[in-house]
Amino acid sequence: MALPLLLLHACADGKSCIARSRAGGECASVTLSCTCRVVQEGYFRVPPAYRLAFRELGTALGVQVNPAAQPEWGPRVEELHQLWAPRALARDRDITPVMLAASLAPGVWDRRYEEKLREGGAGPA
């Protein structure tokens, strides 16, 4: 399956999953599965000039707050941070740096944030 079509399927799967599951457990599993398919298709082996930092940093943020993705995604997240940090201002000076900052410290995007905050451990996921 071509990468754009694969991404379209991943988005459609994610949207239908969100509509079916308020708890998000099923959605977390489906979106992680779709993300893994994108990796298997070789998207992250394409030269950076043909990739989007915003999308990849969003992926890094998402897998950091998805308990099903831990810990095997840790090294890939670190690779994405190392790749995009020096390039964060190259394309724009608004959303890409914001996504980098969010991914470096995912905090409140973690659905367990309030629980962690009460326990005194609400740092990066």
PDB file of N, CA and C in Angstrom:
ATOM      1  N   MET A   1       0.853  -1.173   0.000  1.00  0.00           N
ATOM      2  CA  MET A   1       0.000   0.000   0.000  1.00  0.00           C
ATOM      3  C   MET A   1       0.898   1.235   0.000  1.00  0.00           C
ATOM      4  N   ALA A   2       0.600   2.189  -0.863  1.00  0.00           N
ATOM      5  CA  ALA A   2       1.377   3.418  -0.936  1.00  0.00           C
ATOM      6  C   ALA A   2       1.248   4.194   0.370  1.00  0.00           C
ATOM      7  N   LEU A   3       2.315   4.920   0.721  1.00  0.00           N
ATOM      8  CA  LEU A   3       2.335   5.626   2.001  1.00  0.00           C
ATOM      9  C   LEU A   3       1.176   6.604   2.171  1.00  0.00           C
ATOM     10  N   PRO A   4       0.848   7.480   1.204  1.00  0.00           N
ATOM     11  CA  PRO A   4      -0.282   8.394   1.428  1.00  0.00           C
ATOM     12  C   PRO A   4      -1.592   7.647   1.687  1.00  0.00           C
ATOM     13  N   LEU A   5      -1.809   6.556   0.973  1.00  0.00           N
ATOM     14  CA  LEU A   5      -3.013   5.768   1.185  1.00  0.00           C
ATOM     15  C   LEU A   5      -2.982   5.113   2.561  1.00  0.00           C
ATOM     16  N   LEU A   6      -1.811   4.655   2.977  1.00  0.00           N
ATOM     17  CA  LEU A   6      -1.660   4.064   4.307  1.00  0.00           C
ATOM     18  C   LEU A   6      -1.983   5.091   5.390  1.00  0.00           C
ATOM     19  N   LEU A   7      -1.481   6.328   5.217  1.00  0.00           N
ATOM     20  CA  LEU A   7      -1.767   7.377   6.198  1.00  0.00           C
ATOM     21  C   LEU A   7      -3.251   7.711   6.216  1.00  0.00           C
ATOM     22  N   LEU A   8      -3.887   7.718   5.049  1.00  0.00           N
ATOM     23  CA  LEU A   8      -5.329   7.965   4.988  1.00  0.00           C
ATOM     24  C   LEU A   8      -6.083   6.891   5.752  1.00  0.00           C
ATOM     25  N   HIS A   9      -5.685   5.636   5.576  1.00  0.00           N
ATOM     26  CA  HIS A   9      -6.316   4.538   6.311  1.00  0.00           C
ATOM     27  C   HIS A   9      -6.075   4.682   7.813  1.00  0.00           C
ATOM     28  N   ALA A  10      -4.871   5.077   8.199  1.00  0.00           N
ATOM     29  CA  ALA A  10      -4.567   5.255   9.620  1.00  0.00           C
ATOM     30  C   ALA A  10      -5.462   6.331  10.218  1.00  0.00           C
ATOM     31  N   CYS A  11      -5.632   7.437   9.499  1.00  0.00           N
ATOM     32  CA  CYS A  11      -6.511   8.508  10.000  1.00  0.00           C
ATOM     33  C   CYS A  11      -7.951   8.039  10.077  1.00  0.00           C
ATOM     34  N   ALA A  12      -8.406   7.345   9.076  1.00  0.00           N
ATOM     35  CA  ALA A  12      -9.788   6.851   9.082  1.00  0.00           C
ATOM     36  C   ALA A  12      -9.988   5.854  10.212  1.00  0.00           C
ATOM     37  N   ASP A  13      -9.030   4.954  10.404  1.00  0.00           N
ATOM     38  CA  ASP A  13      -9.118   3.985  11.503  1.00  0.00           C
ATOM     39  C   ASP A  13      -9.170   4.710  12.840  1.00  0.00           C
ATOM     40  N   GLY A  14      -8.317   5.712  13.000  1.00  0.00           N
ATOM     41  CA  GLY A  14      -8.273   6.455  14.253  1.00  0.00           C
ATOM     42  C   GLY A  14      -9.575   7.188  14.522  1.00  0.00           C
ATOM     43  N   LYS A  15     -10.146   7.833  13.495  1.00  0.00           N
ATOM     44  CA  LYS A  15     -11.397   8.567  13.677  1.00  0.00           C
ATOM     45  C   LYS A  15     -12.538   7.637  14.028  1.00  0.00           C
ATOM     46  N   SER A  16     -12.645   6.509  13.321  1.00  0.00           N
ATOM     47  CA  SER A  16     -13.742   5.591  13.625  1.00  0.00           C
ATOM     48  C   SER A  16     -13.552   4.973  15.000  1.00  0.00           C
ATOM     49  N   CYS A  17     -12.312   4.760  15.382  1.00  0.00           N
ATOM     50  CA  CYS A  17     -12.023   4.194  16.695  1.00  0.00           C
ATOM     51  C   CYS A  17     -12.422   5.164  17.796  1.00  0.00           C
ATOM     52  N   ILE A  18     -12.091   6.443  17.610  1.00  0.00           N
ATOM     53  CA  ILE A  18     -12.462   7.449  18.601  1.00  0.00           C
ATOM     54  C   ILE A  18     -13.981   7.521  18.733  1.00  0.00           C
ATOM     55  N   ALA A  19     -14.668   7.423  17.632  1.00  0.00           N
ATOM     56  CA  ALA A  19     -16.134   7.478  17.672  1.00  0.00           C
ATOM     57  C   ALA A  19     -16.715   6.293  18.441  1.00  0.00           C
ATOM     58  N   ARG A  20     -16.056   5.132  18.404  1.00  0.00           N
ATOM     59  CA  ARG A  20     -16.574   3.930  19.060  1.00  0.00           C
ATOM     60  C   ARG A  20     -16.163   3.807  20.511  1.00  0.00           C
ATOM     61  N   SER A  21     -15.055   4.416  20.909  1.00  0.00           N
ATOM     62  CA  SER A  21     -14.495   4.120  22.226  1.00  0.00           C
ATOM     63  C   SER A  21     -14.190   5.387  23.011  1.00  0.00           C
ATOM     64  N   ARG A  22     -14.991   5.673  24.021  1.00  0.00           N
ATOM     65  CA  ARG A  22     -14.730   6.834  24.875  1.00  0.00           C
ATOM     66  C   ARG A  22     -13.504   6.607  25.742  1.00  0.00           C
ATOM     67  N   ALA A  23     -13.286   5.398  26.183  1.00  0.00           N
ATOM     68  CA  ALA A  23     -12.166   5.109  27.073  1.00  0.00           C
ATOM     69  C   ALA A  23     -10.827   5.279  26.370  1.00  0.00           C
ATOM     70  N   GLY A  24     -10.789   5.063  25.087  1.00  0.00           N
ATOM     71  CA  GLY A  24      -9.569   5.282  24.325  1.00  0.00           C
ATOM     72  C   GLY A  24      -8.626   4.099  24.266  1.00  0.00           C
ATOM     73  N   GLY A  25      -8.862   3.047  25.043  1.00  0.00           N
ATOM     74  CA  GLY A  25      -7.957   1.902  25.018  1.00  0.00           C
ATOM     75  C   GLY A  25      -7.872   1.272  23.648  1.00  0.00           C
ATOM     76  N   GLU A  26      -9.027   1.072  23.038  1.00  0.00           N
ATOM     77  CA  GLU A  26      -9.055   0.498  21.694  1.00  0.00           C
ATOM     78  C   GLU A  26      -8.399   1.455  20.709  1.00  0.00           C
ATOM     79  N   CYS A  27      -8.673   2.737  20.867  1.00  0.00           N
ATOM     80  CA  CYS A  27      -8.101   3.739  19.974  1.00  0.00           C
ATOM     81  C   CYS A  27      -6.577   3.746  20.082  1.00  0.00           C
ATOM     82  N   ALA A  28      -6.061   3.667  21.290  1.00  0.00           N
ATOM     83  CA  ALA A  28      -4.613   3.657  21.495  1.00  0.00           C
ATOM     84  C   ALA A  28      -3.985   2.481  20.773  1.00  0.00           C
ATOM     85  N   SER A  29      -4.641   1.342  20.826  1.00  0.00           N
ATOM     86  CA  SER A  29      -4.133   0.149  20.163  1.00  0.00           C
ATOM     87  C   SER A  29      -4.169   0.293  18.640  1.00  0.00           C
ATOM     88  N   VAL A  30      -5.285   0.808  18.114  1.00  0.00           N
ATOM     89  CA  VAL A  30      -5.428   0.973  16.660  1.00  0.00           C
ATOM     90  C   VAL A  30      -4.429   1.988  16.137  1.00  0.00           C
ATOM     91  N   THR A  31      -4.311   3.133  16.796  1.00  0.00           N
ATOM     92  CA  THR A  31      -3.385   4.149  16.303  1.00  0.00           C
ATOM     93  C   THR A  31      -1.936   3.684  16.397  1.00  0.00           C
ATOM     94  N   LEU A  32      -1.599   2.936  17.440  1.00  0.00           N
ATOM     95  CA  LEU A  32      -0.244   2.397  17.537  1.00  0.00           C
ATOM     96  C   LEU A  32       0.009   1.404  16.410  1.00  0.00           C
ATOM     97  N   SER A  33      -0.972   0.576  16.117  1.00  0.00           N
ATOM     98  CA  SER A  33      -0.848  -0.381  15.023  1.00  0.00           C
ATOM     99  C   SER A  33      -0.630   0.336  13.691  1.00  0.00           C
ATOM    100  N   CYS A  34      -1.391   1.394  13.457  1.00  0.00           N
ATOM    101  CA  CYS A  34      -1.245   2.160  12.211  1.00  0.00           C
ATOM    102  C   CYS A  34       0.121   2.833  12.147  1.00  0.00           C
ATOM    103  N   THR A  35       0.583   3.354  13.268  1.00  0.00           N
ATOM    104  CA  THR A  35       1.899   3.984  13.311  1.00  0.00           C
ATOM    105  C   THR A  35       2.987   2.961  13.011  1.00  0.00           C
ATOM    106  N   CYS A  36       2.840   1.771  13.552  1.00  0.00           N
ATOM    107  CA  CYS A  36       3.816   0.708  13.278  1.00  0.00           C
ATOM    108  C   CYS A  36       3.821   0.332  11.803  1.00  0.00           C
ATOM    109  N   ARG A  37       2.651   0.346  11.163  1.00  0.00           N
ATOM    110  CA  ARG A  37       2.581   0.044   9.725  1.00  0.00           C
ATOM    111  C   ARG A  37       3.319   1.101   8.921  1.00  0.00           C
ATOM    112  N   VAL A  38       3.201   2.366   9.305  1.00  0.00           N
ATOM    113  CA  VAL A  38       3.916   3.437   8.613  1.00  0.00           C
ATOM    114  C   VAL A  38       5.424   3.218   8.732  1.00  0.00           C
ATOM    115  N   VAL A  39       5.870   2.818   9.914  1.00  0.00           N
ATOM    116  CA  VAL A  39       7.298   2.525  10.114  1.00  0.00           C
ATOM    117  C   VAL A  39       7.718   1.378   9.202  1.00  0.00           C
ATOM    118  N   GLN A  40       6.921   0.314   9.164  1.00  0.00           N
ATOM    119  CA  GLN A  40       7.247  -0.852   8.341  1.00  0.00           C
ATOM    120  C   GLN A  40       7.282  -0.502   6.858  1.00  0.00           C
ATOM    121  N   GLU A  41       6.453   0.463   6.442  1.00  0.00           N
ATOM    122  CA  GLU A  41       6.445   0.892   5.040  1.00  0.00           C
ATOM    123  C   GLU A  41       7.704   1.676   4.677  1.00  0.00           C
ATOM    124  N   GLY A  42       8.494   2.081   5.688  1.00  0.00           N
ATOM    125  CA  GLY A  42       9.751   2.749   5.425  1.00  0.00           C
ATOM    126  C   GLY A  42       9.710   4.261   5.455  1.00  0.00           C
ATOM    127  N   TYR A  43       8.627   4.843   5.954  1.00  0.00           N
ATOM    128  CA  TYR A  43       8.516   6.305   5.967  1.00  0.00           C
ATOM    129  C   TYR A  43       9.704   6.965   6.656  1.00  0.00           C
ATOM    130  N   PHE A  44      10.149   6.426   7.783  1.00  0.00           N
ATOM    131  CA  PHE A  44      11.217   7.064   8.549  1.00  0.00           C
ATOM    132  C   PHE A  44      12.601   6.842   7.949  1.00  0.00           C
ATOM    133  N   ARG A  45      12.677   6.130   6.836  1.00  0.00           N
ATOM    134  CA  ARG A  45      13.954   5.964   6.125  1.00  0.00           C
ATOM    135  C   ARG A  45      14.071   6.932   4.952  1.00  0.00           C
ATOM    136  N   VAL A  46      13.019   7.687   4.686  1.00  0.00           N
ATOM    137  CA  VAL A  46      13.018   8.677   3.599  1.00  0.00           C
ATOM    138  C   VAL A  46      13.868   9.868   4.044  1.00  0.00           C
ATOM    139  N   PRO A  47      14.601  10.502   3.123  1.00  0.00           N
ATOM    140  CA  PRO A  47      15.404  11.669   3.510  1.00  0.00           C
ATOM    141  C   PRO A  47      14.541  12.755   4.158  1.00  0.00           C
ATOM    142  N   PRO A  48      15.083  13.472   5.146  1.00  0.00           N
ATOM    143  CA  PRO A  48      14.313  14.500   5.856  1.00  0.00           C
ATOM    144  C   PRO A  48      13.667  15.550   4.950  1.00  0.00           C
ATOM    145  N   ALA A  49      14.266  15.842   3.825  1.00  0.00           N
ATOM    146  CA  ALA A  49      13.703  16.848   2.919  1.00  0.00           C
ATOM    147  C   ALA A  49      12.310  16.454   2.412  1.00  0.00           C
ATOM    148  N   TYR A  50      11.977  15.172   2.473  1.00  0.00           N
ATOM    149  CA  TYR A  50      10.687  14.679   1.990  1.00  0.00           C
ATOM    150  C   TYR A  50       9.740  14.321   3.136  1.00  0.00           C
ATOM    151  N   ARG A  51      10.076  14.731   4.337  1.00  0.00           N
ATOM    152  CA  ARG A  51       9.271  14.404   5.520  1.00  0.00           C
ATOM    153  C   ARG A  51       8.790  15.686   6.189  1.00  0.00           C
ATOM    154  N   LEU A  52       7.839  15.554   7.100  1.00  0.00           N
ATOM    155  CA  LEU A  52       7.308  16.710   7.811  1.00  0.00           C
ATOM    156  C   LEU A  52       7.620  16.608   9.300  1.00  0.00           C
ATOM    157  N   ALA A  53       8.376  17.567   9.792  1.00  0.00           N
ATOM    158  CA  ALA A  53       8.747  17.573  11.211  1.00  0.00           C
ATOM    159  C   ALA A  53       7.506  17.603  12.092  1.00  0.00           C
ATOM    160  N   PHE A  54       6.530  18.423  11.737  1.00  0.00           N
ATOM    161  CA  PHE A  54       5.309  18.542  12.535  1.00  0.00           C
ATOM    162  C   PHE A  54       4.641  17.186  12.725  1.00  0.00           C
ATOM    163  N   ARG A  55       4.507  16.431  11.644  1.00  0.00           N
ATOM    164  CA  ARG A  55       3.859  15.116  11.718  1.00  0.00           C
ATOM    165  C   ARG A  55       4.688  14.148  12.554  1.00  0.00           C
ATOM    166  N   GLU A  56       5.987  14.143  12.345  1.00  0.00           N
ATOM    167  CA  GLU A  56       6.835  13.202  13.075  1.00  0.00           C
ATOM    168  C   GLU A  56       6.934  13.542  14.558  1.00  0.00           C
ATOM    169  N   LEU A  57       6.974  14.827  14.885  1.00  0.00           N
ATOM    170  CA  LEU A  57       7.008  15.218  16.290  1.00  0.00           C
ATOM    171  C   LEU A  57       5.670  14.938  16.955  1.00  0.00           C
ATOM    172  N   GLY A  58       4.589  15.051  16.201  1.00  0.00           N
ATOM    173  CA  GLY A  58       3.276  14.653  16.710  1.00  0.00           C
ATOM    174  C   GLY A  58       3.231  13.158  16.976  1.00  0.00           C
ATOM    175  N   THR A  59       3.842  12.386  16.095  1.00  0.00           N
ATOM    176  CA  THR A  59       3.935  10.942  16.311  1.00  0.00           C
ATOM    177  C   THR A  59       4.745  10.650  17.573  1.00  0.00           C
ATOM    178  N   ALA A  60       5.872  11.350  17.725  1.00  0.00           N
ATOM    179  CA  ALA A  60       6.715  11.160  18.911  1.00  0.00           C
ATOM    180  C   ALA A  60       5.937  11.514  20.181  1.00  0.00           C
ATOM    181  N   LEU A  61       5.177  12.591  20.137  1.00  0.00           N
ATOM    182  CA  LEU A  61       4.355  12.970  21.285  1.00  0.00           C
ATOM    183  C   LEU A  61       3.325  11.881  21.580  1.00  0.00           C
ATOM    184  N   GLY A  62       2.648  11.432  20.537  1.00  0.00           N
ATOM    185  CA  GLY A  62       1.603  10.420  20.707  1.00  0.00           C
ATOM    186  C   GLY A  62       2.101   9.118  21.299  1.00  0.00           C
ATOM    187  N   VAL A  63       3.225   8.625  20.817  1.00  0.00           N
ATOM    188  CA  VAL A  63       3.707   7.348  21.351  1.00  0.00           C
ATOM    189  C   VAL A  63       4.232   7.484  22.769  1.00  0.00           C
ATOM    190  N   GLN A  64       4.665   8.691  23.146  1.00  0.00           N
ATOM    191  CA  GLN A  64       5.131   8.884  24.521  1.00  0.00           C
ATOM    192  C   GLN A  64       3.989   8.852  25.531  1.00  0.00           C
ATOM    193  N   VAL A  65       2.796   9.201  25.105  1.00  0.00           N
ATOM    194  CA  VAL A  65       1.656   9.210  26.029  1.00  0.00           C
ATOM    195  C   VAL A  65       0.737   8.010  25.816  1.00  0.00           C
ATOM    196  N   ASN A  66       1.147   7.094  24.960  1.00  0.00           N
ATOM    197  CA  ASN A  66       0.395   5.868  24.710  1.00  0.00           C
ATOM    198  C   ASN A  66       1.085   4.742  25.472  1.00  0.00           C
ATOM    199  N   PRO A  67       0.462   4.267  26.569  1.00  0.00           N
ATOM    200  CA  PRO A  67       1.112   3.234  27.382  1.00  0.00           C
ATOM    201  C   PRO A  67       1.464   1.972  26.589  1.00  0.00           C
ATOM    202  N   ALA A  68       0.703   1.681  25.536  1.00  0.00           N
ATOM    203  CA  ALA A  68       0.977   0.490  24.728  1.00  0.00           C
ATOM    204  C   ALA A  68       2.274   0.631  23.937  1.00  0.00           C
ATOM    205  N   ALA A  69       2.748   1.850  23.744  1.00  0.00           N
ATOM    206  CA  ALA A  69       3.944   2.087  22.925  1.00  0.00           C
ATOM    207  C   ALA A  69       5.233   2.017  23.731  1.00  0.00           C
ATOM    208  N   GLN A  70       5.152   2.029  25.021  1.00  0.00           N
ATOM    209  CA  GLN A  70       6.346   2.040  25.855  1.00  0.00           C
ATOM    210  C   GLN A  70       6.888   0.635  26.029  1.00  0.00           C
ATOM    211  N   PRO A  71       8.137   0.375  26.146  1.00  0.00           N
ATOM    212  CA  PRO A  71       9.263   1.291  25.974  1.00  0.00           C
ATOM    213  C   PRO A  71       9.919   1.192  24.602  1.00  0.00           C
ATOM    214  N   GLU A  72       9.397   0.318  23.724  1.00  0.00           N
ATOM    215  CA  GLU A  72      10.110   0.087  22.458  1.00  0.00           C
ATOM    216  C   GLU A  72      10.206   1.312  21.564  1.00  0.00           C
ATOM    217  N   TRP A  73       9.369   2.308  21.799  1.00  0.00           N
ATOM    218  CA  TRP A  73       9.426   3.514  20.981  1.00  0.00           C
ATOM    219  C   TRP A  73      10.431   4.528  21.501  1.00  0.00           C
ATOM    220  N   GLY A  74      10.944   4.349  22.708  1.00  0.00           N
ATOM    221  CA  GLY A  74      11.887   5.306  23.287  1.00  0.00           C
ATOM    222  C   GLY A  74      13.044   5.670  22.372  1.00  0.00           C
ATOM    223  N   PRO A  75      13.773   4.680  21.832  1.00  0.00           N
ATOM    224  CA  PRO A  75      14.894   5.010  20.951  1.00  0.00           C
ATOM    225  C   PRO A  75      14.460   5.749  19.679  1.00  0.00           C
ATOM    226  N   ARG A  76      13.326   5.375  19.114  1.00  0.00           N
ATOM    227  CA  ARG A  76      12.858   6.047  17.890  1.00  0.00           C
ATOM    228  C   ARG A  76      12.473   7.490  18.200  1.00  0.00           C
ATOM    229  N   VAL A  77      11.838   7.724  19.345  1.00  0.00           N
ATOM    230  CA  VAL A  77      11.485   9.090  19.747  1.00  0.00           C
ATOM    231  C   VAL A  77      12.757   9.926  19.888  1.00  0.00           C
ATOM    232  N   GLU A  78      13.762   9.371  20.526  1.00  0.00           N
ATOM    233  CA  GLU A  78      15.035  10.089  20.698  1.00  0.00           C
ATOM    234  C   GLU A  78      15.668  10.404  19.340  1.00  0.00           C
ATOM    235  N   GLU A  79      15.603   9.461  18.399  1.00  0.00           N
ATOM    236  CA  GLU A  79      16.129   9.699  17.049  1.00  0.00           C
ATOM    237  C   GLU A  79      15.394  10.842  16.374  1.00  0.00           C
ATOM    238  N   LEU A  80      14.065  10.875  16.524  1.00  0.00           N
ATOM    239  CA  LEU A  80      13.277  11.950  15.925  1.00  0.00           C
ATOM    240  C   LEU A  80      13.619  13.296  16.543  1.00  0.00           C
ATOM    241  N   HIS A  81      13.790  13.326  17.854  1.00  0.00           N
ATOM    242  CA  HIS A  81      14.176  14.579  18.512  1.00  0.00           C
ATOM    243  C   HIS A  81      15.542  15.055  18.000  1.00  0.00           C
ATOM    244  N   GLN A  82      16.493  14.132  17.900  1.00  0.00           N
ATOM    245  CA  GLN A  82      17.832  14.500  17.427  1.00  0.00           C
ATOM    246  C   GLN A  82      17.800  14.976  15.980  1.00  0.00           C
ATOM    247  N   LEU A  83      16.956  14.354  15.157  1.00  0.00           N
ATOM    248  CA  LEU A  83      16.854  14.749  13.753  1.00  0.00           C
ATOM    249  C   LEU A  83      16.245  16.140  13.611  1.00  0.00           C
ATOM    250  N   TRP A  84      15.134  16.383  14.301  1.00  0.00           N
ATOM    251  CA  TRP A  84      14.366  17.600  14.054  1.00  0.00           C
ATOM    252  C   TRP A  84      14.761  18.788  14.920  1.00  0.00           C
ATOM    253  N   ALA A  85      15.390  18.586  16.067  1.00  0.00           N
ATOM    254  CA  ALA A  85      15.748  19.728  16.930  1.00  0.00           C
ATOM    255  C   ALA A  85      16.578  20.782  16.194  1.00  0.00           C
ATOM    256  N   PRO A  86      17.641  20.400  15.485  1.00  0.00           N
ATOM    257  CA  PRO A  86      18.416  21.437  14.800  1.00  0.00           C
ATOM    258  C   PRO A  86      17.702  22.024  13.580  1.00  0.00           C
ATOM    259  N   ARG A  87      16.642  21.377  13.118  1.00  0.00           N
ATOM    260  CA  ARG A  87      15.913  21.839  11.937  1.00  0.00           C
ATOM    261  C   ARG A  87      14.572  22.490  12.297  1.00  0.00           C
ATOM    262  N   ALA A  88      14.273  22.618  13.578  1.00  0.00           N
ATOM    263  CA  ALA A  88      12.931  23.036  14.017  1.00  0.00           C
ATOM    264  C   ALA A  88      12.504  24.393  13.467  1.00  0.00           C
ATOM    265  N   LEU A  89      13.435  25.282  13.234  1.00  0.00           N
ATOM    266  CA  LEU A  89      13.082  26.613  12.736  1.00  0.00           C
ATOM    267  C   LEU A  89      13.279  26.753  11.228  1.00  0.00           C
ATOM    268  N   ALA A  90      13.705  25.696  10.561  1.00  0.00           N
ATOM    269  CA  ALA A  90      14.029  25.779   9.144  1.00  0.00           C
ATOM    270  C   ALA A  90      12.798  26.036   8.270  1.00  0.00           C
ATOM    271  N   ARG A  91      11.678  25.403   8.575  1.00  0.00           N
ATOM    272  CA  ARG A  91      10.491  25.515   7.716  1.00  0.00           C
ATOM    273  C   ARG A  91       9.572  26.633   8.178  1.00  0.00           C
ATOM    274  N   ASP A  92       9.385  26.745   9.466  1.00  0.00           N
ATOM    275  CA  ASP A  92       8.512  27.786  10.006  1.00  0.00           C
ATOM    276  C   ASP A  92       8.981  28.137  11.407  1.00  0.00           C
ATOM    277  N   ARG A  93       8.414  29.149  11.955  1.00  0.00           N
ATOM    278  CA  ARG A  93       8.808  29.575  13.298  1.00  0.00           C
ATOM    279  C   ARG A  93       7.610  29.567  14.239  1.00  0.00           C
ATOM    280  N   ASP A  94       6.644  28.692  13.935  1.00  0.00           N
ATOM    281  CA  ASP A  94       5.492  28.630  14.825  1.00  0.00           C
ATOM    282  C   ASP A  94       5.177  27.207  15.247  1.00  0.00           C
ATOM    283  N   ILE A  95       4.539  26.415  14.418  1.00  0.00           N
ATOM    284  CA  ILE A  95       4.009  25.133  14.871  1.00  0.00           C
ATOM    285  C   ILE A  95       5.085  24.053  15.046  1.00  0.00           C
ATOM    286  N   THR A  96       6.086  24.011  14.210  1.00  0.00           N
ATOM    287  CA  THR A  96       7.111  22.971  14.349  1.00  0.00           C
ATOM    288  C   THR A  96       7.877  23.098  15.671  1.00  0.00           C
ATOM    289  N   PRO A  97       8.350  24.285  16.044  1.00  0.00           N
ATOM    290  CA  PRO A  97       9.008  24.394  17.352  1.00  0.00           C
ATOM    291  C   PRO A  97       8.067  24.073  18.516  1.00  0.00           C
ATOM    292  N   VAL A  98       6.790  24.397  18.369  1.00  0.00           N
ATOM    293  CA  VAL A  98       5.825  24.072  19.425  1.00  0.00           C
ATOM    294  C   VAL A  98       5.678  22.560  19.550  1.00  0.00           C
ATOM    295  N   MET A  99       5.605  21.867  18.420  1.00  0.00           N
ATOM    296  CA  MET A  99       5.497  20.407  18.461  1.00  0.00           C
ATOM    297  C   MET A  99       6.762  19.784  19.039  1.00  0.00           C
ATOM    298  N   LEU A 100       7.919  20.348  18.734  1.00  0.00           N
ATOM    299  CA  LEU A 100       9.156  19.843  19.315  1.00  0.00           C
ATOM    300  C   LEU A 100       9.121  19.998  20.832  1.00  0.00           C
ATOM    301  N   ALA A 101       8.732  21.181  21.309  1.00  0.00           N
ATOM    302  CA  ALA A 101       8.660  21.414  22.753  1.00  0.00           C
ATOM    303  C   ALA A 101       7.659  20.459  23.406  1.00  0.00           C
ATOM    304  N   ALA A 102       6.507  20.265  22.769  1.00  0.00           N
ATOM    305  CA  ALA A 102       5.494  19.360  23.330  1.00  0.00           C
ATOM    306  C   ALA A 102       6.013  17.933  23.395  1.00  0.00           C
ATOM    307  N   SER A 103       6.747  17.523  22.378  1.00  0.00           N
ATOM    308  CA  SER A 103       7.268  16.165  22.359  1.00  0.00           C
ATOM    309  C   SER A 103       8.416  15.973  23.351  1.00  0.00           C
ATOM    310  N   LEU A 104       9.195  17.013  23.564  1.00  0.00           N
ATOM    311  CA  LEU A 104      10.291  16.920  24.530  1.00  0.00           C
ATOM    312  C   LEU A 104       9.774  16.829  25.967  1.00  0.00           C
ATOM    313  N   ALA A 105       8.596  17.402  26.216  1.00  0.00           N
ATOM    314  CA  ALA A 105       7.997  17.373  27.557  1.00  0.00           C
ATOM    315  C   ALA A 105       6.492  17.143  27.403  1.00  0.00           C
ATOM    316  N   PRO A 106       6.073  15.901  27.148  1.00  0.00           N
ATOM    317  CA  PRO A 106       4.679  15.623  26.790  1.00  0.00           C
ATOM    318  C   PRO A 106       3.653  15.859  27.902  1.00  0.00           C
ATOM    319  N   GLY A 107       4.075  15.913  29.148  1.00  0.00           N
ATOM    320  CA  GLY A 107       3.241  16.258  30.293  1.00  0.00           C
ATOM    321  C   GLY A 107       1.742  16.120  30.164  1.00  0.00           C
ATOM    322  N   VAL A 108       1.030  17.240  29.974  1.00  0.00           N
ATOM    323  CA  VAL A 108      -0.431  17.245  30.050  1.00  0.00           C
ATOM    324  C   VAL A 108      -1.121  16.479  28.925  1.00  0.00           C
ATOM    325  N   TRP A 109      -0.421  16.088  27.882  1.00  0.00           N
ATOM    326  CA  TRP A 109      -1.050  15.296  26.837  1.00  0.00           C
ATOM    327  C   TRP A 109      -1.206  13.837  27.263  1.00  0.00           C
ATOM    328  N   ASP A 110      -0.577  13.485  28.345  1.00  0.00           N
ATOM    329  CA  ASP A 110      -0.695  12.125  28.879  1.00  0.00           C
ATOM    330  C   ASP A 110      -2.015  12.028  29.637  1.00  0.00           C
ATOM    331  N   ARG A 111      -2.883  11.102  29.257  1.00  0.00           N
ATOM    332  CA  ARG A 111      -4.191  10.994  29.916  1.00  0.00           C
ATOM    333  C   ARG A 111      -4.056  10.669  31.400  1.00  0.00           C
ATOM    334  N   ARG A 112      -2.871  10.232  31.802  1.00  0.00           N
ATOM    335  CA  ARG A 112      -2.639   9.937  33.222  1.00  0.00           C
ATOM    336  C   ARG A 112      -2.037  11.135  33.954  1.00  0.00           C
ATOM    337  N   TYR A 113      -2.010  12.284  33.308  1.00  0.00           N
ATOM    338  CA  TYR A 113      -1.357  13.472  33.864  1.00  0.00           C
ATOM    339  C   TYR A 113      -1.909  13.863  35.227  1.00  0.00           C
ATOM    340  N   GLU A 114      -3.234  13.958  35.351  1.00  0.00           N
ATOM    341  CA  GLU A 114      -3.815  14.370  36.636  1.00  0.00           C
ATOM    342  C   GLU A 114      -3.448  13.388  37.749  1.00  0.00           C
ATOM    343  N   GLU A 115      -3.504  12.107  37.426  1.00  0.00           N
ATOM    344  CA  GLU A 115      -3.128  11.092  38.414  1.00  0.00           C
ATOM    345  C   GLU A 115      -1.664  11.257  38.815  1.00  0.00           C
ATOM    346  N   LYS A 116      -0.798  11.451  37.830  1.00  0.00           N
ATOM    347  CA  LYS A 116       0.629  11.639  38.116  1.00  0.00           C
ATOM    348  C   LYS A 116       0.857  12.916  38.912  1.00  0.00           C
ATOM    349  N   LEU A 117       0.093  13.962  38.588  1.00  0.00           N
ATOM    350  CA  LEU A 117       0.226  15.225  39.305  1.00  0.00           C
ATOM    351  C   LEU A 117      -0.109  15.046  40.781  1.00  0.00           C
ATOM    352  N   ARG A 118      -1.187  14.297  41.058  1.00  0.00           N
ATOM    353  CA  ARG A 118      -1.575  14.029  42.443  1.00  0.00           C
ATOM    354  C   ARG A 118      -0.502  13.221  43.173  1.00  0.00           C
ATOM    355  N   GLU A 119       0.164  12.341  42.431  1.00  0.00           N
ATOM    356  CA  GLU A 119       1.200  11.502  43.036  1.00  0.00           C
ATOM    357  C   GLU A 119       2.561  12.206  43.081  1.00  0.00           C
ATOM    358  N   GLY A 120       2.635  13.391  42.490  1.00  0.00           N
ATOM    359  CA  GLY A 120       3.879  14.147  42.502  1.00  0.00           C
ATOM    360  C   GLY A 120       4.853  13.779  41.420  1.00  0.00           C
ATOM    361  N   GLY A 121       4.413  13.091  40.382  1.00  0.00           N
ATOM    362  CA  GLY A 121       5.314  12.683  39.307  1.00  0.00           C
ATOM    363  C   GLY A 121       4.799  13.020  37.930  1.00  0.00           C
ATOM    364  N   ALA A 122       4.402  14.256  37.696  1.00  0.00           N
ATOM    365  CA  ALA A 122       3.791  14.636  36.421  1.00  0.00           C
ATOM    366  C   ALA A 122       4.799  15.151  35.406  1.00  0.00           C
ATOM    367  N   GLY A 123       6.025  14.707  35.485  1.00  0.00           N
ATOM    368  CA  GLY A 123       7.037  15.112  34.515  1.00  0.00           C
ATOM    369  C   GLY A 123       6.793  14.439  33.183  1.00  0.00           C
ATOM    370  N   PRO A 124       7.766  14.458  32.274  1.00  0.00           N
ATOM    371  CA  PRO A 124       7.604  13.815  30.970  1.00  0.00           C
ATOM    372  C   PRO A 124       7.170  12.365  31.108  1.00  0.00           C
ATOM    373  N   ALA A 125       6.321  11.929  30.175  1.00  0.00           N
ATOM    374  CA  ALA A 125       5.779  10.561  30.210  1.00  0.00           C
ATOM    375  C   ALA A 125       6.863   9.530  30.039  1.00  0.00           C
TER     376      ALA A 125
END
